[in-house]
């Protein structure tokens, strides 16, 4: 099994999502609270995954979204799905949209990296989601380098309360996403979404 690598995702980055354009809009004030997306106008779509992340990781987030979707999951990323949503400041309208999107999602995946501790939104998103959908939170560690198939993740502080996400092959030699309690107890992500818990494989 392997954790996700920042370096690997950077090589897969799809530039169809223009974060530079978003950054320019932030600087010009085009995504202020007054111009944020209207809560009544957002789509009624449902998502398998609400991807909680630091915007400082925006260079690789589109590639991470694409990879998760390649396994057949629908993924919500705020600044990609809701292009008028402002991440520049914490305000009521942005919070309302994120709350609605979390309610529309089956699980929250918390993409933790060196930048996560500086995020103003991530701890709030995790706490809110856990409150409305108990324990449907998975921690996805973003390593800086490498792709070691003997990776293990030990969450620090509150991150240790949740399962973590990695990838690896199943018995048919197909790459899949796994939800782990530890190296011995795990379950397929799609099975976890239907209520199955990690268990020891025989």
Protein backbone atom coordinates (compact mmCIF):
# COMPACT_ATOMS: atom_id res chain seq x y z
CA UNK A 1 0.00 0.00 0.00
CA UNK A 2 1.19 3.55 -0.70
CA UNK A 3 0.41 7.05 0.45
CA UNK A 4 -0.13 9.84 -2.05
CA UNK A 5 3.01 11.70 -3.10
CA UNK A 6 3.08 15.47 -3.60
CA UNK A 7 5.87 14.99 -6.14
CA UNK A 8 3.90 12.38 -8.11
CA UNK A 9 0.74 14.52 -8.18
CA UNK A 10 2.72 17.54 -9.32
CA UNK A 11 3.89 15.57 -12.36
CA UNK A 12 0.26 14.70 -13.16
CA UNK A 13 -1.09 18.22 -12.75
CA UNK A 14 -3.82 19.04 -15.25
CA UNK A 15 -3.66 22.72 -16.13
CA UNK A 16 -7.27 22.81 -17.32
CA UNK A 17 -8.04 24.21 -13.85
CA UNK A 18 -6.48 27.66 -13.88
CA UNK A 19 -5.57 28.52 -10.31
CA UNK A 20 -3.62 31.57 -11.52
CA UNK A 21 -6.84 33.07 -12.88
CA UNK A 22 -8.50 32.40 -9.52
CA UNK A 23 -5.58 34.04 -7.69
CA UNK A 24 -5.85 37.11 -9.92
CA UNK A 25 -9.57 37.36 -9.21
CA UNK A 26 -8.83 37.27 -5.47
CA UNK A 27 -6.29 40.08 -5.77
CA UNK A 28 -8.67 42.19 -7.84
CA UNK A 29 -11.49 41.72 -5.33
CA UNK A 30 -13.73 39.94 -7.83
CA UNK A 31 -14.46 37.17 -5.33
CA UNK A 32 -15.43 39.33 -2.39
CA UNK A 33 -18.30 38.50 -0.03
CA UNK A 34 -20.69 40.66 -2.06
CA UNK A 35 -19.95 38.73 -5.26
CA UNK A 36 -19.80 35.25 -3.74
CA UNK A 37 -22.00 32.52 -5.14
CA UNK A 38 -25.63 32.72 -4.08
CA UNK A 39 -26.64 29.92 -1.71
CA UNK A 40 -29.97 29.59 -3.53
CA UNK A 41 -28.32 29.14 -6.92
CA UNK A 42 -25.92 26.28 -6.23
CA UNK A 43 -26.61 22.94 -7.87
CA UNK A 44 -28.34 20.06 -6.13
CA UNK A 45 -25.58 17.66 -7.11
CA UNK A 46 -24.42 14.96 -4.72
CA UNK A 47 -20.79 13.99 -4.23
CA UNK A 48 -19.00 10.95 -2.92
CA UNK A 49 -16.13 13.05 -1.57
CA UNK A 50 -15.79 16.54 -0.14
CA UNK A 51 -12.05 17.22 -0.54
CA UNK A 52 -10.87 19.37 2.35
CA UNK A 53 -7.47 20.88 1.56
CA UNK A 54 -5.20 23.86 1.97
CA UNK A 55 -5.38 26.31 -0.91
CA UNK A 56 -1.58 26.57 -0.57
CA UNK A 57 -1.60 23.07 -2.15
CA UNK A 58 -3.61 24.30 -5.15
CA UNK A 59 -0.86 23.28 -7.59
CA UNK A 60 -1.56 19.58 -7.02
CA UNK A 61 -5.22 19.58 -5.90
CA UNK A 62 -6.60 19.29 -9.48
CA UNK A 63 -4.39 16.23 -10.04
CA UNK A 64 -5.56 14.73 -6.74
CA UNK A 65 -9.17 15.38 -7.71
CA UNK A 66 -8.58 13.72 -11.08
CA UNK A 67 -6.96 10.69 -9.48
CA UNK A 68 -9.80 10.19 -6.99
CA UNK A 69 -12.29 10.52 -9.86
CA UNK A 70 -10.33 7.93 -11.88
CA UNK A 71 -11.46 5.36 -9.30
CA UNK A 72 -15.08 6.22 -10.02
CA UNK A 73 -15.80 8.73 -7.23
CA UNK A 74 -17.38 12.16 -7.63
CA UNK A 75 -15.31 14.83 -5.89
CA UNK A 76 -16.16 18.33 -4.66
CA UNK A 77 -13.42 20.97 -4.62
CA UNK A 78 -14.77 24.38 -3.70
CA UNK A 79 -12.74 26.66 -5.98
CA UNK A 80 -13.13 24.26 -8.93
CA UNK A 81 -16.81 23.34 -8.58
CA UNK A 82 -18.04 26.70 -7.27
CA UNK A 83 -15.82 29.10 -9.18
CA UNK A 84 -17.32 32.23 -7.59
CA UNK A 85 -16.67 31.03 -4.05
CA UNK A 86 -14.12 33.10 -2.16
CA UNK A 87 -11.46 31.37 -0.04
CA UNK A 88 -9.69 34.64 0.68
CA UNK A 89 -11.64 35.44 3.82
CA UNK A 90 -13.95 33.71 6.25
CA UNK A 91 -17.48 35.00 5.83
CA UNK A 92 -21.05 33.81 6.28
CA UNK A 93 -21.86 33.24 2.60
CA UNK A 94 -18.80 31.07 2.00
CA UNK A 95 -19.56 29.05 5.14
CA UNK A 96 -23.17 28.50 4.05
CA UNK A 97 -22.11 27.18 0.66
CA UNK A 98 -19.54 24.84 2.19
CA UNK A 99 -22.09 23.58 4.71
CA UNK A 100 -24.52 22.83 1.89
CA UNK A 101 -21.84 21.03 -0.11
CA UNK A 102 -20.81 18.96 2.91
CA UNK A 103 -24.42 17.90 3.42
CA UNK A 104 -24.45 16.82 -0.25
CA UNK A 105 -21.32 14.66 0.24
CA UNK A 106 -21.03 11.11 1.57
CA UNK A 107 -17.62 11.55 3.14
CA UNK A 108 -14.94 14.14 3.76
CA UNK A 109 -11.36 13.41 2.78
CA UNK A 110 -8.89 15.59 4.65
CA UNK A 111 -5.78 16.07 2.48
CA UNK A 112 -3.17 16.77 5.12
CA UNK A 113 0.20 18.29 4.21
CA UNK A 114 2.76 20.71 5.63
CA UNK A 115 0.35 23.50 4.66
CA UNK A 116 -2.69 22.12 6.50
CA UNK A 117 -1.78 23.60 9.89
CA UNK A 118 -1.97 27.09 8.39
CA UNK A 119 -5.42 26.58 6.86
CA UNK A 120 -8.29 28.54 8.35
CA UNK A 121 -10.96 26.38 6.71
CA UNK A 122 -9.76 22.78 7.12
CA UNK A 123 -10.25 22.30 10.89
CA UNK A 124 -13.68 23.94 10.64
CA UNK A 125 -14.69 21.70 7.72
CA UNK A 126 -13.56 18.56 9.55
CA UNK A 127 -15.38 19.50 12.76
CA UNK A 128 -18.59 20.44 10.97
CA UNK A 129 -18.63 17.33 8.79
CA UNK A 130 -17.92 14.98 11.67
CA UNK A 131 -20.80 16.58 13.52
CA UNK A 132 -23.34 15.90 10.77
CA UNK A 133 -21.99 12.56 9.46
CA UNK A 134 -20.28 10.84 12.35
CA UNK A 135 -16.92 9.25 11.47
CA UNK A 136 -17.32 9.54 7.70
CA UNK A 137 -13.98 11.33 7.61
CA UNK A 138 -10.79 9.93 6.10
CA UNK A 139 -7.32 11.45 6.38
CA UNK A 140 -5.35 11.49 3.12
CA UNK A 141 -1.67 12.18 3.89
CA UNK A 142 0.26 14.01 1.18
CA UNK A 143 3.92 13.02 1.37
CA UNK A 144 6.53 15.27 -0.18
CA UNK A 145 8.44 12.62 -2.07
CA UNK A 146 8.48 9.00 -3.11
CA UNK A 147 5.99 6.21 -3.56
CA UNK A 148 6.82 3.56 -0.98
CA UNK A 149 4.42 0.64 -1.01
CA UNK A 150 5.17 -0.07 2.65
CA UNK A 151 3.93 3.33 3.81
CA UNK A 152 2.16 3.71 7.10
CA UNK A 153 0.45 6.76 8.57
CA UNK A 154 0.17 7.60 12.24
CA UNK A 155 -2.06 10.61 12.73
CA UNK A 156 -1.02 13.20 15.29
CA UNK A 157 -3.43 14.84 17.71
CA UNK A 158 -7.04 14.83 16.42
CA UNK A 159 -6.08 13.33 13.02
CA UNK A 160 -5.36 10.07 14.83
CA UNK A 161 -9.07 9.77 15.64
CA UNK A 162 -9.91 8.98 12.02
CA UNK A 163 -9.15 6.33 9.42
CA UNK A 164 -6.65 7.17 6.71
CA UNK A 165 -6.71 6.73 2.94
CA UNK A 166 -4.07 5.06 0.79
CA UNK A 167 -3.92 3.15 -2.48
CA UNK A 168 -2.90 -0.34 -3.44
CA UNK A 169 -3.79 -3.37 -5.50
CA UNK A 170 -6.59 -5.81 -4.76
CA UNK A 171 -6.57 -9.57 -5.31
CA UNK A 172 -7.16 -9.02 -9.03
CA UNK A 173 -4.07 -6.80 -9.23
CA UNK A 174 -6.24 -3.71 -9.77
CA UNK A 175 -5.28 -0.43 -8.11
CA UNK A 176 -7.91 0.68 -5.59
CA UNK A 177 -8.41 3.19 -2.77
CA UNK A 178 -8.45 1.80 0.76
CA UNK A 179 -9.67 3.08 4.12
CA UNK A 180 -7.38 1.93 6.94
CA UNK A 181 -7.51 1.82 10.69
CA UNK A 182 -3.96 0.40 10.62
CA UNK A 183 -1.81 -1.82 8.39
CA UNK A 184 -3.89 -4.90 9.24
CA UNK A 185 -7.45 -3.51 9.27
CA UNK A 186 -8.74 -1.96 6.06
CA UNK A 187 -11.63 -1.88 3.62
CA UNK A 188 -12.27 -0.59 0.10
CA UNK A 189 -13.31 3.06 0.00
CA UNK A 190 -16.49 2.30 -1.92
CA UNK A 191 -17.44 -0.33 0.69
CA UNK A 192 -16.75 2.13 3.52
CA UNK A 193 -19.13 4.62 1.88
CA UNK A 194 -21.92 2.02 2.20
CA UNK A 195 -21.24 1.50 5.92
CA UNK A 196 -18.62 -1.27 6.03
CA UNK A 197 -15.82 -0.81 8.60
CA UNK A 198 -12.14 -1.75 8.23
CA UNK A 199 -11.47 -5.37 9.26
CA UNK A 200 -8.56 -7.79 9.50
CA UNK A 201 -8.02 -9.74 6.29
CA UNK A 202 -7.53 -13.50 6.56
